[in-house]
Structure formats: structure tokens, C-alpha cells
Amino acid sequence: MLSRALFCFVVAVGLAVTCGSSVAASADDYFSEAQKYVAEGSVKSAIIELKNALQKDPTHVKSRLLLG
């Protein structure tokens, strides 16, 4: 009985830790990805990343400049 309770506890803690560990990308993260895509020549992918950055932070100047 104790081992079953311990197992359930370990599973619950594991789920809680993994669910809370996803970190939302920042505008700077999206901008960095956009720069990589530009360097590779993937303009469409860069535009998507820049638009994502501007959705996170509409005042992100570097993204606006690169998008323009």
C-alpha cells in the first residue's frame, strides 16, 4: 500500500515539475531566431518569427526595423 502511494506521489510531482518548466519565449528569443533565418536565407520563416516577437512586445524596435 505504501509503495503505491509513493508511486502516485512521485508521478504527481513529476507531472507538476514538467508542466511548469516550459518557459515562454520572449521577443528577444523570437528576434534571435529571425536573425538566424535571415542568415540562412529563409525570409518567410524570419518574418513569422518577427511577427511573433511583435505579438509578445509591440514596442520591440529591433524586430520592427528588421521586418521593415
N, C-alpha and C. Protein backbone atom coordinates (compact mmCIF):
# COMPACT_ATOMS: atom_id res chain seq x y z
N MET A 1 0.82 -1.19 0.00
CA MET A 1 0.00 0.00 0.00
C MET A 1 0.86 1.26 0.00
N LEU A 2 1.92 1.24 0.79
CA LEU A 2 2.81 2.39 0.87
C LEU A 2 3.52 2.62 -0.46
N SER A 3 3.93 1.55 -1.11
CA SER A 3 4.64 1.71 -2.38
C SER A 3 3.73 2.29 -3.45
N ARG A 4 2.45 1.94 -3.41
CA ARG A 4 1.51 2.51 -4.38
C ARG A 4 1.32 4.00 -4.13
N ALA A 5 1.19 4.39 -2.89
CA ALA A 5 1.05 5.80 -2.55
C ALA A 5 2.30 6.58 -2.93
N LEU A 6 3.46 5.98 -2.68
CA LEU A 6 4.72 6.62 -3.05
C LEU A 6 4.82 6.78 -4.56
N PHE A 7 4.42 5.75 -5.29
CA PHE A 7 4.45 5.81 -6.75
C PHE A 7 3.55 6.94 -7.26
N CYS A 8 2.34 7.03 -6.73
CA CYS A 8 1.41 8.10 -7.13
C CYS A 8 1.98 9.47 -6.81
N PHE A 9 2.61 9.59 -5.66
CA PHE A 9 3.22 10.86 -5.28
C PHE A 9 4.34 11.25 -6.25
N VAL A 10 5.20 10.30 -6.58
CA VAL A 10 6.32 10.57 -7.49
C VAL A 10 5.80 10.97 -8.86
N VAL A 11 4.78 10.29 -9.35
CA VAL A 11 4.20 10.62 -10.65
C VAL A 11 3.60 12.02 -10.62
N ALA A 12 2.88 12.35 -9.55
CA ALA A 12 2.27 13.67 -9.44
C ALA A 12 3.32 14.77 -9.41
N VAL A 13 4.38 14.56 -8.66
CA VAL A 13 5.46 15.56 -8.59
C VAL A 13 6.14 15.69 -9.94
N GLY A 14 6.37 14.58 -10.61
CA GLY A 14 7.00 14.62 -11.93
C GLY A 14 6.16 15.39 -12.93
N LEU A 15 4.86 15.17 -12.92
CA LEU A 15 3.98 15.91 -13.82
C LEU A 15 3.97 17.40 -13.50
N ALA A 16 3.94 17.72 -12.23
CA ALA A 16 3.93 19.12 -11.83
C ALA A 16 5.20 19.84 -12.25
N VAL A 17 6.32 19.17 -12.13
CA VAL A 17 7.60 19.77 -12.49
C VAL A 17 7.70 19.97 -13.99
N THR A 18 7.31 18.97 -14.76
CA THR A 18 7.44 19.09 -16.22
C THR A 18 6.43 20.05 -16.81
N CYS A 19 5.26 20.16 -16.22
CA CYS A 19 4.26 21.10 -16.73
C CYS A 19 4.66 22.54 -16.46
N GLY A 20 5.32 22.78 -15.37
CA GLY A 20 5.70 24.14 -15.01
C GLY A 20 7.03 24.58 -15.58
N SER A 21 7.71 23.71 -16.29
CA SER A 21 9.05 24.06 -16.74
C SER A 21 9.09 24.68 -18.13
N SER A 22 7.97 24.76 -18.82
CA SER A 22 8.01 25.36 -20.15
C SER A 22 8.07 26.88 -20.01
N VAL A 23 9.11 27.44 -20.56
CA VAL A 23 9.33 28.87 -20.46
C VAL A 23 8.86 29.52 -21.75
N ALA A 24 8.03 30.53 -21.62
CA ALA A 24 7.54 31.23 -22.81
C ALA A 24 8.68 32.01 -23.44
N ALA A 25 8.70 31.99 -24.75
CA ALA A 25 9.74 32.71 -25.48
C ALA A 25 9.50 34.21 -25.38
N SER A 26 10.57 34.96 -25.28
CA SER A 26 10.47 36.41 -25.21
C SER A 26 10.61 36.99 -26.62
N ALA A 27 10.36 38.27 -26.74
CA ALA A 27 10.52 38.95 -28.02
C ALA A 27 11.96 38.84 -28.50
N ASP A 28 12.90 38.91 -27.58
CA ASP A 28 14.32 38.78 -27.95
C ASP A 28 14.63 37.39 -28.48
N ASP A 29 13.98 36.36 -27.91
CA ASP A 29 14.18 34.99 -28.40
C ASP A 29 13.69 34.86 -29.84
N TYR A 30 12.50 35.40 -30.10
CA TYR A 30 11.97 35.35 -31.46
C TYR A 30 12.86 36.14 -32.42
N PHE A 31 13.36 37.28 -31.97
CA PHE A 31 14.23 38.10 -32.80
C PHE A 31 15.52 37.35 -33.15
N SER A 32 16.09 36.66 -32.18
CA SER A 32 17.31 35.89 -32.42
C SER A 32 17.07 34.80 -33.46
N GLU A 33 15.93 34.13 -33.35
CA GLU A 33 15.59 33.10 -34.34
C GLU A 33 15.42 33.73 -35.72
N ALA A 34 14.80 34.90 -35.77
CA ALA A 34 14.61 35.59 -37.05
C ALA A 34 15.96 35.92 -37.69
N GLN A 35 16.90 36.36 -36.88
CA GLN A 35 18.23 36.67 -37.42
C GLN A 35 18.89 35.42 -38.01
N LYS A 36 18.71 34.29 -37.36
CA LYS A 36 19.27 33.03 -37.88
C LYS A 36 18.63 32.68 -39.22
N TYR A 37 17.31 32.86 -39.31
CA TYR A 37 16.63 32.56 -40.57
C TYR A 37 17.08 33.50 -41.68
N VAL A 38 17.29 34.76 -41.36
CA VAL A 38 17.77 35.71 -42.37
C VAL A 38 19.14 35.28 -42.87
N ALA A 39 20.02 34.88 -41.97
CA ALA A 39 21.36 34.45 -42.35
C ALA A 39 21.31 33.21 -43.25
N GLU A 40 20.30 32.35 -43.03
CA GLU A 40 20.14 31.15 -43.84
C GLU A 40 19.42 31.42 -45.15
N GLY A 41 18.83 32.60 -45.28
CA GLY A 41 18.07 32.94 -46.48
C GLY A 41 16.61 32.55 -46.42
N SER A 42 16.12 32.16 -45.26
CA SER A 42 14.71 31.78 -45.08
C SER A 42 13.90 33.00 -44.65
N VAL A 43 13.59 33.83 -45.62
CA VAL A 43 12.93 35.10 -45.32
C VAL A 43 11.53 34.89 -44.74
N LYS A 44 10.77 33.96 -45.29
CA LYS A 44 9.40 33.73 -44.79
C LYS A 44 9.41 33.29 -43.33
N SER A 45 10.33 32.43 -42.99
CA SER A 45 10.43 31.98 -41.59
C SER A 45 10.85 33.13 -40.68
N ALA A 46 11.74 33.98 -41.17
CA ALA A 46 12.17 35.15 -40.39
C ALA A 46 11.00 36.09 -40.14
N ILE A 47 10.17 36.29 -41.15
CA ILE A 47 9.01 37.17 -40.99
C ILE A 47 8.07 36.62 -39.93
N ILE A 48 7.86 35.32 -39.93
CA ILE A 48 6.99 34.71 -38.91
C ILE A 48 7.55 34.95 -37.52
N GLU A 49 8.85 34.75 -37.35
CA GLU A 49 9.47 34.97 -36.04
C GLU A 49 9.38 36.43 -35.62
N LEU A 50 9.57 37.34 -36.55
CA LEU A 50 9.48 38.76 -36.22
C LEU A 50 8.06 39.15 -35.83
N LYS A 51 7.08 38.58 -36.51
CA LYS A 51 5.69 38.86 -36.13
C LYS A 51 5.37 38.28 -34.76
N ASN A 52 5.94 37.12 -34.46
CA ASN A 52 5.78 36.55 -33.11
C ASN A 52 6.39 37.46 -32.06
N ALA A 53 7.56 38.01 -32.37
CA ALA A 53 8.22 38.93 -31.43
C ALA A 53 7.36 40.15 -31.18
N LEU A 54 6.76 40.67 -32.24
CA LEU A 54 5.93 41.87 -32.09
C LEU A 54 4.61 41.57 -31.39
N GLN A 55 4.14 40.35 -31.46
CA GLN A 55 2.96 39.98 -30.68
C GLN A 55 3.30 39.95 -29.20
N LYS A 56 4.49 39.49 -28.87
CA LYS A 56 4.94 39.47 -27.47
C LYS A 56 5.17 40.88 -26.95
N ASP A 57 5.83 41.70 -27.79
CA ASP A 57 6.18 43.06 -27.38
C ASP A 57 6.04 43.99 -28.58
N PRO A 58 4.91 44.67 -28.70
CA PRO A 58 4.68 45.55 -29.85
C PRO A 58 5.68 46.70 -29.97
N THR A 59 6.42 46.97 -28.91
CA THR A 59 7.39 48.06 -28.94
C THR A 59 8.81 47.57 -29.20
N HIS A 60 8.98 46.32 -29.59
CA HIS A 60 10.31 45.75 -29.83
C HIS A 60 10.89 46.37 -31.10
N VAL A 61 11.73 47.36 -30.93
CA VAL A 61 12.24 48.18 -32.03
C VAL A 61 13.07 47.36 -33.01
N LYS A 62 13.94 46.49 -32.51
CA LYS A 62 14.80 45.71 -33.41
C LYS A 62 13.97 44.85 -34.36
N SER A 63 12.88 44.29 -33.87
CA SER A 63 12.02 43.47 -34.73
C SER A 63 11.33 44.33 -35.77
N ARG A 64 10.88 45.50 -35.37
CA ARG A 64 10.23 46.40 -36.34
C ARG A 64 11.20 46.82 -37.43
N LEU A 65 12.43 47.11 -37.05
CA LEU A 65 13.42 47.54 -38.05
C LEU A 65 13.77 46.41 -39.01
N LEU A 66 13.96 45.21 -38.50
CA LEU A 66 14.31 44.09 -39.36
C LEU A 66 13.13 43.70 -40.25
N LEU A 67 11.93 43.81 -39.74
CA LEU A 67 10.75 43.49 -40.53
C LEU A 67 10.55 44.50 -41.65
N GLY A 68 10.91 45.74 -41.38
CA GLY A 68 10.75 46.80 -42.38
C GLY A 68 11.78 46.70 -43.43
